[in-house]
N, C-alpha and C. Protein backbone atom coordinates (compact mmCIF):
# COMPACT_ATOMS: atom_id res chain seq x y z
N MET A 1 -41.59 -10.45 13.52
CA MET A 1 -41.70 -11.71 12.77
C MET A 1 -41.40 -12.89 13.67
N LEU A 2 -40.43 -12.73 14.56
CA LEU A 2 -40.07 -13.81 15.46
C LEU A 2 -41.20 -14.11 16.43
N ASN A 3 -41.84 -13.08 16.99
CA ASN A 3 -42.95 -13.29 17.91
C ASN A 3 -44.13 -13.92 17.20
N ARG A 4 -44.35 -13.53 15.93
CA ARG A 4 -45.48 -14.10 15.19
C ARG A 4 -45.28 -15.59 14.96
N GLU A 5 -44.03 -15.98 14.65
CA GLU A 5 -43.77 -17.40 14.43
C GLU A 5 -43.81 -18.18 15.73
N LEU A 6 -43.47 -17.51 16.84
CA LEU A 6 -43.59 -18.19 18.12
C LEU A 6 -45.05 -18.47 18.45
N LYS A 7 -45.92 -17.54 18.09
CA LYS A 7 -47.34 -17.76 18.34
C LYS A 7 -47.88 -18.88 17.47
N MET A 8 -47.24 -19.12 16.31
CA MET A 8 -47.69 -20.19 15.43
C MET A 8 -47.27 -21.56 15.93
N GLY A 9 -46.51 -21.62 16.99
CA GLY A 9 -46.15 -22.91 17.56
C GLY A 9 -44.75 -23.39 17.23
N LEU A 10 -43.92 -22.56 16.61
CA LEU A 10 -42.55 -22.96 16.29
C LEU A 10 -41.66 -22.71 17.50
N ASP A 11 -40.81 -23.69 17.81
CA ASP A 11 -39.92 -23.55 18.96
C ASP A 11 -38.73 -22.67 18.58
N PRO A 12 -38.07 -22.04 19.57
CA PRO A 12 -36.93 -21.14 19.27
C PRO A 12 -35.77 -21.85 18.57
N ALA A 13 -35.56 -23.13 18.87
CA ALA A 13 -34.47 -23.85 18.21
C ALA A 13 -34.70 -23.96 16.71
N SER A 14 -35.93 -24.23 16.32
CA SER A 14 -36.25 -24.33 14.89
C SER A 14 -36.10 -22.97 14.21
N LEU A 15 -36.48 -21.92 14.91
CA LEU A 15 -36.34 -20.58 14.33
C LEU A 15 -34.88 -20.22 14.12
N ARG A 16 -34.04 -20.56 15.07
CA ARG A 16 -32.60 -20.28 14.92
C ARG A 16 -32.02 -21.05 13.75
N ILE A 17 -32.46 -22.29 13.60
CA ILE A 17 -31.96 -23.11 12.49
C ILE A 17 -32.42 -22.53 11.15
N ASP A 18 -33.67 -22.09 11.10
CA ASP A 18 -34.18 -21.51 9.85
C ASP A 18 -33.43 -20.23 9.49
N GLN A 19 -33.21 -19.38 10.47
CA GLN A 19 -32.48 -18.14 10.22
C GLN A 19 -31.04 -18.42 9.80
N ARG A 20 -30.43 -19.40 10.46
CA ARG A 20 -29.06 -19.76 10.08
C ARG A 20 -29.01 -20.34 8.68
N LEU A 21 -30.02 -21.11 8.32
CA LEU A 21 -30.06 -21.70 6.98
C LEU A 21 -30.25 -20.63 5.92
N LEU A 22 -31.11 -19.65 6.18
CA LEU A 22 -31.31 -18.56 5.22
C LEU A 22 -30.03 -17.75 5.04
N TYR A 23 -29.34 -17.50 6.15
CA TYR A 23 -28.07 -16.78 6.08
C TYR A 23 -27.03 -17.58 5.30
N PHE A 24 -27.03 -18.89 5.49
CA PHE A 24 -26.12 -19.78 4.77
C PHE A 24 -26.39 -19.75 3.27
N MET A 25 -27.65 -19.76 2.89
CA MET A 25 -27.99 -19.71 1.47
C MET A 25 -27.62 -18.36 0.86
N ASP A 26 -27.78 -17.28 1.62
CA ASP A 26 -27.36 -15.97 1.11
C ASP A 26 -25.86 -15.92 0.87
N GLN A 27 -25.10 -16.51 1.78
CA GLN A 27 -23.64 -16.55 1.61
C GLN A 27 -23.25 -17.34 0.36
N LEU A 28 -23.92 -18.46 0.13
CA LEU A 28 -23.62 -19.27 -1.05
C LEU A 28 -23.95 -18.51 -2.34
N GLU A 29 -25.04 -17.74 -2.31
CA GLU A 29 -25.40 -16.96 -3.50
C GLU A 29 -24.36 -15.88 -3.78
N ILE A 30 -23.90 -15.21 -2.74
CA ILE A 30 -22.86 -14.18 -2.92
C ILE A 30 -21.57 -14.81 -3.43
N LEU A 31 -21.23 -15.98 -2.88
CA LEU A 31 -20.01 -16.68 -3.31
C LEU A 31 -20.08 -17.05 -4.78
N GLU A 32 -21.24 -17.50 -5.23
CA GLU A 32 -21.39 -17.87 -6.63
C GLU A 32 -21.23 -16.65 -7.54
N GLU A 33 -21.78 -15.51 -7.13
CA GLU A 33 -21.64 -14.29 -7.92
C GLU A 33 -20.18 -13.85 -8.00
N LYS A 34 -19.47 -13.92 -6.90
CA LYS A 34 -18.06 -13.53 -6.89
C LYS A 34 -17.23 -14.48 -7.74
N ARG A 35 -17.54 -15.76 -7.70
CA ARG A 35 -16.79 -16.71 -8.52
C ARG A 35 -17.02 -16.48 -10.01
N GLN A 36 -18.25 -16.17 -10.38
CA GLN A 36 -18.53 -15.87 -11.79
C GLN A 36 -17.78 -14.62 -12.24
N LYS A 37 -17.77 -13.60 -11.39
CA LYS A 37 -17.02 -12.39 -11.72
C LYS A 37 -15.53 -12.67 -11.79
N PHE A 38 -15.04 -13.53 -10.89
CA PHE A 38 -13.63 -13.91 -10.87
C PHE A 38 -13.23 -14.59 -12.18
N ASN A 39 -14.02 -15.55 -12.62
CA ASN A 39 -13.72 -16.25 -13.88
C ASN A 39 -13.83 -15.33 -15.08
N ALA A 40 -14.80 -14.41 -15.06
CA ALA A 40 -14.96 -13.48 -16.18
C ALA A 40 -13.77 -12.53 -16.27
N LEU A 41 -13.24 -12.09 -15.13
CA LEU A 41 -12.09 -11.19 -15.14
C LEU A 41 -10.84 -11.90 -15.65
N ILE A 42 -10.66 -13.15 -15.26
CA ILE A 42 -9.50 -13.90 -15.75
C ILE A 42 -9.58 -14.08 -17.27
N GLU A 43 -10.75 -14.44 -17.76
CA GLU A 43 -10.91 -14.58 -19.21
C GLU A 43 -10.67 -13.25 -19.92
N GLU A 44 -11.17 -12.16 -19.35
CA GLU A 44 -10.96 -10.85 -19.94
C GLU A 44 -9.49 -10.47 -19.96
N GLY A 45 -8.78 -10.77 -18.86
CA GLY A 45 -7.36 -10.44 -18.80
C GLY A 45 -6.54 -11.18 -19.83
N TRP A 46 -6.76 -12.48 -19.94
CA TRP A 46 -5.99 -13.27 -20.92
C TRP A 46 -6.37 -12.91 -22.35
N PHE A 47 -7.63 -12.56 -22.55
CA PHE A 47 -8.05 -12.17 -23.90
C PHE A 47 -7.38 -10.86 -24.31
N ASN A 48 -7.26 -9.92 -23.38
CA ASN A 48 -6.57 -8.66 -23.69
C ASN A 48 -5.08 -8.88 -23.89
N ILE A 49 -4.49 -9.82 -23.16
CA ILE A 49 -3.07 -10.13 -23.38
C ILE A 49 -2.86 -10.73 -24.77
N SER A 50 -3.78 -11.59 -25.20
CA SER A 50 -3.66 -12.16 -26.54
C SER A 50 -3.79 -11.08 -27.61
N LYS A 51 -4.65 -10.08 -27.37
CA LYS A 51 -4.76 -8.97 -28.31
C LYS A 51 -3.46 -8.15 -28.36
N ALA A 52 -2.87 -7.94 -27.19
CA ALA A 52 -1.61 -7.19 -27.14
C ALA A 52 -0.49 -7.95 -27.84
N ARG A 53 -0.45 -9.26 -27.69
CA ARG A 53 0.56 -10.06 -28.39
C ARG A 53 0.35 -10.02 -29.90
N TYR A 54 -0.91 -9.96 -30.31
CA TYR A 54 -1.18 -9.91 -31.74
C TYR A 54 -0.70 -8.59 -32.34
N SER A 55 -0.85 -7.51 -31.61
CA SER A 55 -0.46 -6.19 -32.13
C SER A 55 1.04 -5.92 -31.96
N MET A 56 1.64 -6.42 -30.87
CA MET A 56 3.06 -6.14 -30.60
C MET A 56 3.98 -7.28 -31.02
N GLY A 57 3.44 -8.49 -31.11
CA GLY A 57 4.27 -9.64 -31.40
C GLY A 57 4.41 -10.52 -30.16
N ASN A 58 4.51 -11.83 -30.39
CA ASN A 58 4.58 -12.76 -29.26
C ASN A 58 5.81 -12.54 -28.40
N LYS A 59 6.94 -12.23 -29.05
CA LYS A 59 8.18 -12.08 -28.29
C LYS A 59 8.22 -10.77 -27.50
N GLN A 60 7.37 -9.81 -27.86
CA GLN A 60 7.37 -8.53 -27.16
C GLN A 60 6.51 -8.55 -25.90
N VAL A 61 5.66 -9.56 -25.77
CA VAL A 61 4.82 -9.71 -24.58
C VAL A 61 5.01 -11.13 -24.06
N SER A 62 6.09 -11.33 -23.33
CA SER A 62 6.41 -12.66 -22.81
C SER A 62 7.28 -12.49 -21.57
N ALA A 63 7.71 -13.62 -21.03
CA ALA A 63 8.54 -13.59 -19.82
C ALA A 63 9.93 -13.02 -20.09
N LEU A 64 10.30 -12.88 -21.36
CA LEU A 64 11.62 -12.31 -21.68
C LEU A 64 11.72 -10.85 -21.28
N GLN A 65 10.58 -10.17 -21.16
CA GLN A 65 10.60 -8.76 -20.81
C GLN A 65 10.55 -8.53 -19.29
N TYR A 66 10.47 -9.60 -18.51
CA TYR A 66 10.40 -9.42 -17.06
C TYR A 66 11.68 -8.78 -16.54
N ALA A 67 11.56 -8.01 -15.48
CA ALA A 67 12.73 -7.39 -14.87
C ALA A 67 13.58 -8.44 -14.18
N SER A 68 14.88 -8.17 -14.10
CA SER A 68 15.79 -9.13 -13.44
C SER A 68 15.52 -9.22 -11.95
N GLU A 69 15.07 -8.12 -11.36
CA GLU A 69 14.71 -8.11 -9.94
C GLU A 69 13.29 -7.54 -9.81
N MET A 70 12.47 -8.27 -9.08
CA MET A 70 11.08 -7.86 -8.93
C MET A 70 10.69 -7.87 -7.46
N ASP A 71 9.97 -6.85 -7.05
CA ASP A 71 9.41 -6.78 -5.70
C ASP A 71 7.89 -6.85 -5.80
N PRO A 72 7.24 -7.50 -4.85
CA PRO A 72 5.78 -7.61 -4.92
C PRO A 72 5.11 -6.26 -4.72
N HIS A 73 4.07 -6.02 -5.47
CA HIS A 73 3.26 -4.81 -5.33
C HIS A 73 2.05 -5.04 -4.44
N VAL A 74 1.75 -6.31 -4.13
CA VAL A 74 0.58 -6.64 -3.32
C VAL A 74 1.00 -7.61 -2.23
N TYR A 75 0.57 -7.34 -1.02
CA TYR A 75 0.79 -8.23 0.12
C TYR A 75 -0.57 -8.68 0.65
N VAL A 76 -0.66 -9.94 1.04
CA VAL A 76 -1.89 -10.49 1.61
C VAL A 76 -1.70 -10.64 3.11
N THR A 77 -2.56 -9.99 3.88
CA THR A 77 -2.51 -10.07 5.32
C THR A 77 -3.75 -10.80 5.83
N THR A 78 -3.63 -11.40 6.99
CA THR A 78 -4.73 -12.14 7.59
C THR A 78 -5.06 -11.56 8.96
N SER A 79 -6.30 -11.71 9.35
CA SER A 79 -6.75 -11.27 10.66
C SER A 79 -7.94 -12.12 11.07
N LEU A 80 -8.23 -12.11 12.36
CA LEU A 80 -9.35 -12.87 12.90
C LEU A 80 -10.51 -11.92 13.18
N SER A 81 -11.70 -12.32 12.75
CA SER A 81 -12.89 -11.54 13.03
C SER A 81 -13.38 -11.82 14.45
N GLU A 82 -14.46 -11.17 14.83
CA GLU A 82 -15.02 -11.40 16.15
C GLU A 82 -15.55 -12.82 16.31
N ASN A 83 -15.96 -13.43 15.21
CA ASN A 83 -16.46 -14.81 15.25
C ASN A 83 -15.35 -15.84 15.12
N GLY A 84 -14.10 -15.39 15.05
CA GLY A 84 -12.99 -16.33 14.92
C GLY A 84 -12.72 -16.80 13.51
N VAL A 85 -13.29 -16.12 12.52
CA VAL A 85 -13.10 -16.49 11.12
C VAL A 85 -11.89 -15.74 10.57
N VAL A 86 -11.04 -16.45 9.83
CA VAL A 86 -9.85 -15.84 9.24
C VAL A 86 -10.27 -15.00 8.04
N GLU A 87 -9.85 -13.74 8.04
CA GLU A 87 -10.16 -12.82 6.95
C GLU A 87 -8.87 -12.44 6.23
N PHE A 88 -8.97 -12.28 4.92
CA PHE A 88 -7.82 -11.93 4.08
C PHE A 88 -8.01 -10.53 3.52
N GLN A 89 -6.94 -9.74 3.57
CA GLN A 89 -6.95 -8.39 3.01
C GLN A 89 -5.73 -8.21 2.10
N CYS A 90 -5.92 -7.44 1.04
CA CYS A 90 -4.83 -7.13 0.10
C CYS A 90 -4.35 -5.71 0.36
N GLU A 91 -3.05 -5.57 0.53
CA GLU A 91 -2.43 -4.26 0.71
C GLU A 91 -1.48 -4.02 -0.46
N ARG A 92 -1.65 -2.90 -1.12
CA ARG A 92 -0.85 -2.56 -2.29
C ARG A 92 0.24 -1.58 -1.91
N THR A 93 1.45 -1.85 -2.37
CA THR A 93 2.58 -1.00 -2.03
C THR A 93 2.54 0.32 -2.77
N GLU A 94 1.89 0.37 -3.94
CA GLU A 94 1.86 1.64 -4.67
C GLU A 94 1.04 2.68 -3.93
N ASN A 95 0.07 2.24 -3.12
CA ASN A 95 -0.69 3.21 -2.33
C ASN A 95 0.17 3.83 -1.24
N LYS A 96 1.14 3.06 -0.72
CA LYS A 96 2.00 3.58 0.33
C LYS A 96 3.11 4.46 -0.22
N GLU A 97 3.42 4.31 -1.51
CA GLU A 97 4.54 5.03 -2.08
C GLU A 97 4.11 6.23 -2.92
N GLU A 98 2.86 6.66 -2.75
CA GLU A 98 2.40 7.83 -3.49
C GLU A 98 3.18 9.08 -3.08
N LEU A 99 3.65 9.10 -1.83
CA LEU A 99 4.41 10.25 -1.36
C LEU A 99 5.74 10.37 -2.09
N ASN A 100 6.33 9.24 -2.48
CA ASN A 100 7.61 9.27 -3.17
C ASN A 100 7.49 9.85 -4.57
N GLU A 101 6.31 9.76 -5.16
CA GLU A 101 6.13 10.27 -6.52
C GLU A 101 5.85 11.77 -6.52
N SER A 102 5.44 12.34 -5.42
CA SER A 102 5.17 13.77 -5.34
C SER A 102 6.35 14.47 -4.70
N ASP A 103 6.23 15.81 -4.54
CA ASP A 103 7.29 16.58 -3.91
C ASP A 103 7.23 16.39 -2.41
N ILE A 104 8.40 16.44 -1.77
CA ILE A 104 8.49 16.32 -0.33
C ILE A 104 8.90 17.66 0.24
N VAL A 105 8.64 17.86 1.52
CA VAL A 105 8.93 19.12 2.18
C VAL A 105 10.20 18.95 2.99
N GLU A 106 11.15 19.85 2.80
CA GLU A 106 12.43 19.81 3.51
C GLU A 106 12.53 21.03 4.41
N ASN A 107 12.92 20.79 5.66
CA ASN A 107 13.08 21.88 6.61
C ASN A 107 14.43 22.55 6.40
N ILE A 108 14.44 23.87 6.51
CA ILE A 108 15.65 24.66 6.39
C ILE A 108 15.82 25.47 7.67
N GLY A 109 16.95 25.34 8.30
CA GLY A 109 17.21 26.08 9.53
C GLY A 109 16.62 25.36 10.72
N PRO A 110 16.42 26.08 11.83
CA PRO A 110 15.88 25.46 13.04
C PRO A 110 14.48 24.91 12.80
N THR A 111 14.10 23.94 13.66
CA THR A 111 12.80 23.30 13.49
C THR A 111 11.67 24.27 13.79
N GLU A 112 11.81 25.03 14.87
CA GLU A 112 10.77 25.97 15.25
C GLU A 112 10.97 27.27 14.46
N GLY A 113 9.95 27.64 13.70
CA GLY A 113 10.01 28.88 12.95
C GLY A 113 10.93 28.83 11.76
N GLY A 114 11.43 27.65 11.38
CA GLY A 114 12.33 27.54 10.25
C GLY A 114 11.59 27.59 8.94
N LEU A 115 12.33 27.83 7.88
CA LEU A 115 11.74 27.87 6.56
C LEU A 115 11.55 26.46 6.04
N ARG A 116 10.63 26.32 5.12
CA ARG A 116 10.35 25.01 4.52
C ARG A 116 10.28 25.21 3.01
N ARG A 117 10.85 24.28 2.28
CA ARG A 117 10.80 24.35 0.83
C ARG A 117 10.49 22.98 0.28
N ARG A 118 9.93 22.97 -0.92
CA ARG A 118 9.59 21.70 -1.57
C ARG A 118 10.75 21.28 -2.45
N VAL A 119 11.10 20.00 -2.33
CA VAL A 119 12.21 19.45 -3.09
C VAL A 119 11.68 18.31 -3.91
N ASN A 120 11.96 18.33 -5.20
CA ASN A 120 11.55 17.25 -6.07
C ASN A 120 12.32 15.99 -5.73
N VAL A 121 11.61 14.85 -5.70
CA VAL A 121 12.25 13.59 -5.28
C VAL A 121 13.35 13.19 -6.24
N LYS A 122 13.10 13.32 -7.55
CA LYS A 122 14.11 12.90 -8.53
C LYS A 122 15.36 13.79 -8.41
N GLN A 123 15.14 15.08 -8.19
CA GLN A 123 16.28 15.97 -8.04
C GLN A 123 17.08 15.63 -6.80
N LYS A 124 16.36 15.28 -5.72
CA LYS A 124 17.05 14.93 -4.49
C LYS A 124 17.84 13.63 -4.66
N GLU A 125 17.26 12.64 -5.39
CA GLU A 125 17.97 11.39 -5.62
C GLU A 125 19.23 11.63 -6.44
N THR A 126 19.14 12.54 -7.44
CA THR A 126 20.31 12.84 -8.25
C THR A 126 21.42 13.46 -7.42
N GLU A 127 21.04 14.37 -6.52
CA GLU A 127 22.04 14.99 -5.65
C GLU A 127 22.67 13.97 -4.72
N ASP A 128 21.86 13.04 -4.20
CA ASP A 128 22.40 12.01 -3.32
C ASP A 128 23.37 11.10 -4.06
N GLU A 129 23.02 10.76 -5.33
CA GLU A 129 23.91 9.90 -6.11
C GLU A 129 25.24 10.59 -6.39
N SER A 130 25.21 11.89 -6.73
CA SER A 130 26.45 12.61 -7.00
C SER A 130 27.30 12.72 -5.74
N THR A 131 26.65 12.91 -4.59
CA THR A 131 27.39 12.95 -3.34
C THR A 131 28.03 11.61 -3.03
N CYS A 132 27.27 10.53 -3.28
CA CYS A 132 27.80 9.19 -3.03
C CYS A 132 28.98 8.88 -3.94
N LYS A 133 28.88 9.30 -5.23
CA LYS A 133 29.99 9.06 -6.15
C LYS A 133 31.24 9.82 -5.72
N GLY A 134 31.05 11.06 -5.23
CA GLY A 134 32.20 11.83 -4.76
C GLY A 134 32.86 11.18 -3.57
N GLN A 135 32.09 10.61 -2.67
CA GLN A 135 32.67 9.92 -1.52
C GLN A 135 33.38 8.65 -1.94
N GLN A 136 32.85 7.96 -2.94
CA GLN A 136 33.51 6.74 -3.41
C GLN A 136 34.83 7.04 -4.10
N GLN A 137 34.92 8.17 -4.80
CA GLN A 137 36.19 8.52 -5.43
C GLN A 137 37.25 8.87 -4.39
N LYS A 138 36.83 9.47 -3.29
CA LYS A 138 37.78 9.77 -2.23
C LYS A 138 38.20 8.50 -1.49
N ASP A 139 37.30 7.58 -1.32
CA ASP A 139 37.59 6.34 -0.59
C ASP A 139 37.26 5.18 -1.50
N PRO A 140 38.24 4.64 -2.26
CA PRO A 140 37.95 3.55 -3.19
C PRO A 140 37.46 2.29 -2.49
N GLN A 141 37.84 2.08 -1.20
CA GLN A 141 37.42 0.88 -0.50
C GLN A 141 35.94 0.90 -0.17
N ALA A 142 35.32 2.06 -0.29
CA ALA A 142 33.89 2.15 0.04
C ALA A 142 33.04 1.39 -0.97
N ASN A 143 33.57 1.16 -2.19
CA ASN A 143 32.79 0.44 -3.19
C ASN A 143 32.54 -0.99 -2.77
N THR A 144 33.49 -1.59 -2.08
CA THR A 144 33.32 -2.97 -1.68
C THR A 144 32.42 -3.10 -0.47
N LYS A 145 32.26 -2.03 0.29
CA LYS A 145 31.46 -2.11 1.51
C LYS A 145 30.02 -1.68 1.29
N THR A 146 29.76 -0.94 0.23
CA THR A 146 28.40 -0.47 0.01
C THR A 146 27.50 -1.63 -0.38
N GLU A 147 26.29 -1.59 0.16
CA GLU A 147 25.34 -2.63 -0.15
C GLU A 147 24.68 -2.35 -1.49
N LYS A 148 24.13 -3.41 -2.07
CA LYS A 148 23.47 -3.30 -3.35
C LYS A 148 22.14 -2.58 -3.17
N PRO A 149 21.86 -1.55 -3.93
CA PRO A 149 20.61 -0.82 -3.73
C PRO A 149 19.41 -1.71 -3.99
N LYS A 150 18.35 -1.42 -3.26
CA LYS A 150 17.14 -2.21 -3.41
C LYS A 150 16.45 -1.87 -4.73
N CYS A 151 15.72 -2.87 -5.22
CA CYS A 151 15.00 -2.68 -6.48
C CYS A 151 13.82 -1.72 -6.27
N GLN A 152 13.74 -0.69 -7.11
CA GLN A 152 12.68 0.27 -6.99
C GLN A 152 11.39 -0.31 -7.57
N HIS A 153 10.27 0.03 -6.95
CA HIS A 153 8.99 -0.43 -7.45
C HIS A 153 8.71 0.25 -8.78
N GLN A 154 8.34 -0.54 -9.75
CA GLN A 154 8.09 -0.02 -11.08
C GLN A 154 6.83 -0.64 -11.62
N ASP A 155 6.11 0.12 -12.40
CA ASP A 155 4.92 -0.39 -13.04
C ASP A 155 5.31 -1.49 -14.01
N PRO A 156 4.79 -2.71 -13.85
CA PRO A 156 5.17 -3.80 -14.76
C PRO A 156 4.89 -3.50 -16.22
N LEU A 157 3.98 -2.59 -16.53
CA LEU A 157 3.71 -2.26 -17.93
C LEU A 157 4.93 -1.67 -18.62
N LYS A 158 5.81 -1.02 -17.85
CA LYS A 158 7.00 -0.42 -18.44
C LYS A 158 8.02 -1.46 -18.88
N TRP A 159 7.86 -2.70 -18.44
CA TRP A 159 8.76 -3.75 -18.91
C TRP A 159 8.56 -4.00 -20.41
N PHE A 160 7.37 -3.72 -20.90
CA PHE A 160 7.03 -4.03 -22.29
C PHE A 160 7.13 -2.82 -23.20
N GLY A 161 7.63 -1.71 -22.69
CA GLY A 161 7.82 -0.53 -23.52
C GLY A 161 7.16 0.69 -22.89
N ILE A 162 7.42 1.82 -23.49
CA ILE A 162 6.87 3.07 -22.97
C ILE A 162 5.42 3.26 -23.42
N LEU A 163 5.16 3.06 -24.71
CA LEU A 163 3.81 3.20 -25.25
C LEU A 163 3.23 1.82 -25.48
N VAL A 164 2.58 1.27 -24.48
CA VAL A 164 1.98 -0.06 -24.59
C VAL A 164 0.55 0.08 -25.07
N PRO A 165 0.02 -0.93 -25.74
CA PRO A 165 -1.37 -0.84 -26.21
C PRO A 165 -2.37 -0.80 -25.06
N GLN A 166 -3.55 -0.33 -25.36
CA GLN A 166 -4.59 -0.21 -24.34
C GLN A 166 -5.02 -1.58 -23.83
N ASN A 167 -4.92 -2.60 -24.66
CA ASN A 167 -5.30 -3.94 -24.23
C ASN A 167 -4.45 -4.43 -23.07
N LEU A 168 -3.17 -4.08 -23.09
CA LEU A 168 -2.28 -4.52 -22.01
C LEU A 168 -2.63 -3.81 -20.69
N LYS A 169 -3.02 -2.56 -20.78
CA LYS A 169 -3.45 -1.83 -19.58
C LYS A 169 -4.75 -2.41 -19.04
N GLN A 170 -5.65 -2.78 -19.93
CA GLN A 170 -6.90 -3.38 -19.50
C GLN A 170 -6.67 -4.75 -18.85
N ALA A 171 -5.70 -5.50 -19.38
CA ALA A 171 -5.37 -6.79 -18.77
C ALA A 171 -4.82 -6.60 -17.36
N GLN A 172 -3.97 -5.60 -17.18
CA GLN A 172 -3.42 -5.32 -15.85
C GLN A 172 -4.53 -4.94 -14.87
N THR A 173 -5.46 -4.11 -15.31
CA THR A 173 -6.57 -3.71 -14.45
C THR A 173 -7.43 -4.91 -14.05
N ALA A 174 -7.66 -5.82 -15.00
CA ALA A 174 -8.47 -7.00 -14.72
C ALA A 174 -7.79 -7.91 -13.70
N PHE A 175 -6.48 -8.13 -13.87
CA PHE A 175 -5.78 -9.03 -12.96
C PHE A 175 -5.60 -8.40 -11.57
N LYS A 176 -5.52 -7.08 -11.51
CA LYS A 176 -5.49 -6.42 -10.19
C LYS A 176 -6.78 -6.67 -9.44
N GLU A 177 -7.89 -6.58 -10.16
CA GLU A 177 -9.17 -6.83 -9.53
C GLU A 177 -9.33 -8.30 -9.15
N VAL A 178 -8.70 -9.18 -9.92
CA VAL A 178 -8.74 -10.62 -9.60
C VAL A 178 -8.05 -10.89 -8.27
N ILE A 179 -6.94 -10.22 -8.01
CA ILE A 179 -6.22 -10.43 -6.76
C ILE A 179 -7.08 -10.00 -5.57
N THR A 180 -7.70 -8.84 -5.69
CA THR A 180 -8.57 -8.37 -4.61
C THR A 180 -9.77 -9.29 -4.43
N LEU A 181 -10.32 -9.74 -5.53
CA LEU A 181 -11.50 -10.60 -5.48
C LEU A 181 -11.16 -11.98 -4.90
N SER A 182 -9.98 -12.48 -5.17
CA SER A 182 -9.58 -13.77 -4.62
C SER A 182 -9.50 -13.73 -3.09
N ALA A 183 -9.04 -12.60 -2.55
CA ALA A 183 -9.01 -12.46 -1.09
C ALA A 183 -10.43 -12.42 -0.52
N GLU A 184 -11.33 -11.74 -1.21
CA GLU A 184 -12.72 -11.69 -0.75
C GLU A 184 -13.36 -13.08 -0.81
N ILE A 185 -13.06 -13.83 -1.86
CA ILE A 185 -13.63 -15.18 -1.99
C ILE A 185 -13.11 -16.10 -0.89
N SER A 186 -11.82 -16.01 -0.60
CA SER A 186 -11.26 -16.84 0.46
C SER A 186 -11.87 -16.51 1.82
N THR A 187 -12.07 -15.22 2.08
CA THR A 187 -12.71 -14.82 3.34
C THR A 187 -14.14 -15.33 3.42
N LEU A 188 -14.86 -15.23 2.31
CA LEU A 188 -16.25 -15.68 2.29
C LEU A 188 -16.33 -17.20 2.44
N GLN A 189 -15.42 -17.93 1.85
CA GLN A 189 -15.41 -19.38 1.99
C GLN A 189 -15.19 -19.79 3.45
N ASN A 190 -14.30 -19.11 4.14
CA ASN A 190 -14.10 -19.41 5.56
C ASN A 190 -15.35 -19.10 6.37
N ALA A 191 -16.03 -17.99 6.03
CA ALA A 191 -17.26 -17.66 6.73
C ALA A 191 -18.35 -18.69 6.47
N ILE A 192 -18.41 -19.21 5.24
CA ILE A 192 -19.41 -20.23 4.91
C ILE A 192 -19.14 -21.52 5.69
N LEU A 193 -17.89 -21.90 5.80
CA LEU A 193 -17.55 -23.11 6.57
C LEU A 193 -17.94 -22.94 8.04
N ALA A 194 -17.70 -21.75 8.59
CA ALA A 194 -18.07 -21.50 9.98
C ALA A 194 -19.58 -21.53 10.16
N THR A 195 -20.33 -20.98 9.21
CA THR A 195 -21.80 -21.00 9.28
C THR A 195 -22.33 -22.42 9.18
N ARG A 196 -21.72 -23.23 8.33
CA ARG A 196 -22.17 -24.62 8.18
C ARG A 196 -21.92 -25.41 9.46
N MET A 197 -20.77 -25.19 10.10
CA MET A 197 -20.50 -25.88 11.35
C MET A 197 -21.48 -25.46 12.45
N GLU A 198 -21.81 -24.18 12.51
CA GLU A 198 -22.80 -23.72 13.49
C GLU A 198 -24.17 -24.31 13.20
N LEU A 199 -24.51 -24.39 11.93
CA LEU A 199 -25.81 -24.97 11.55
C LEU A 199 -25.87 -26.45 11.93
N GLN A 200 -24.81 -27.18 11.69
CA GLN A 200 -24.79 -28.60 12.05
C GLN A 200 -24.87 -28.81 13.56
N SER A 201 -24.17 -27.98 14.31
CA SER A 201 -24.22 -28.12 15.78
C SER A 201 -25.61 -27.80 16.32
N GLU A 202 -26.29 -26.79 15.75
CA GLU A 202 -27.64 -26.46 16.20
C GLU A 202 -28.62 -27.57 15.85
N MET A 203 -28.45 -28.21 14.72
CA MET A 203 -29.33 -29.32 14.36
C MET A 203 -29.11 -30.52 15.27
N LYS A 204 -27.87 -30.77 15.65
CA LYS A 204 -27.60 -31.86 16.57
C LYS A 204 -28.20 -31.59 17.95
N GLU A 205 -28.10 -30.34 18.40
CA GLU A 205 -28.72 -29.99 19.68
C GLU A 205 -30.23 -30.17 19.65
N LYS A 206 -30.83 -29.80 18.52
CA LYS A 206 -32.27 -29.97 18.41
C LYS A 206 -32.66 -31.43 18.43
N GLN A 207 -31.89 -32.28 17.76
CA GLN A 207 -32.17 -33.72 17.76
C GLN A 207 -32.04 -34.31 19.17
N ARG A 208 -31.02 -33.88 19.90
CA ARG A 208 -30.85 -34.39 21.26
C ARG A 208 -31.99 -33.93 22.17
N SER A 209 -32.41 -32.68 21.99
CA SER A 209 -33.52 -32.19 22.83
C SER A 209 -34.83 -32.87 22.49
N SER A 210 -35.03 -33.21 21.22
CA SER A 210 -36.27 -33.90 20.83
C SER A 210 -36.29 -35.33 21.36
N LEU A 211 -35.15 -35.99 21.46
CA LEU A 211 -35.09 -37.35 21.99
C LEU A 211 -35.35 -37.36 23.49
N ASN A 212 -34.89 -36.31 24.16
CA ASN A 212 -35.12 -36.25 25.60
C ASN A 212 -36.56 -35.88 25.90
């Protein structure tokens, strides 16, 4: 296609500008689709929350049920692409803590050729707590020196009860997707700005070459 257009008399600078412009328009179209999906998910999430409040009561689905200590379940990281564009990625802590919810393997005896057994995490935590309490009873001063345990990651749905309505789960799913989509939109916006700057610089070069 490029050789055919060259035979038609188009200069390479114009072809580069046309290709860059088509790529720019494709990026804008993708951005518009993501923004529409973003707005639709937000509306869906709030609509499901309103349904949950209607079935459970306004006071049962509010900030009063928030935990006293909260840790983030999502972290946003940044990186530079090959073109120098800042990209955003979402990392979820629940994906990293899947091992804590399953059984862990404990070595028994020597490392080489030793036996291995599976230990339930909750059972192991209970044993550790009982051991810690026994040490504190022997040494009362240890209570003042022990640090405050860190807040365990918990599903926010459990703040509102054990059996929550399906609407509340659907709202959580929608807002999770909103977080991921917001990172994608921010990355795409940075890429669009970089493409526009490249397009403007190529047009300026073409104007200078035409004047000369």
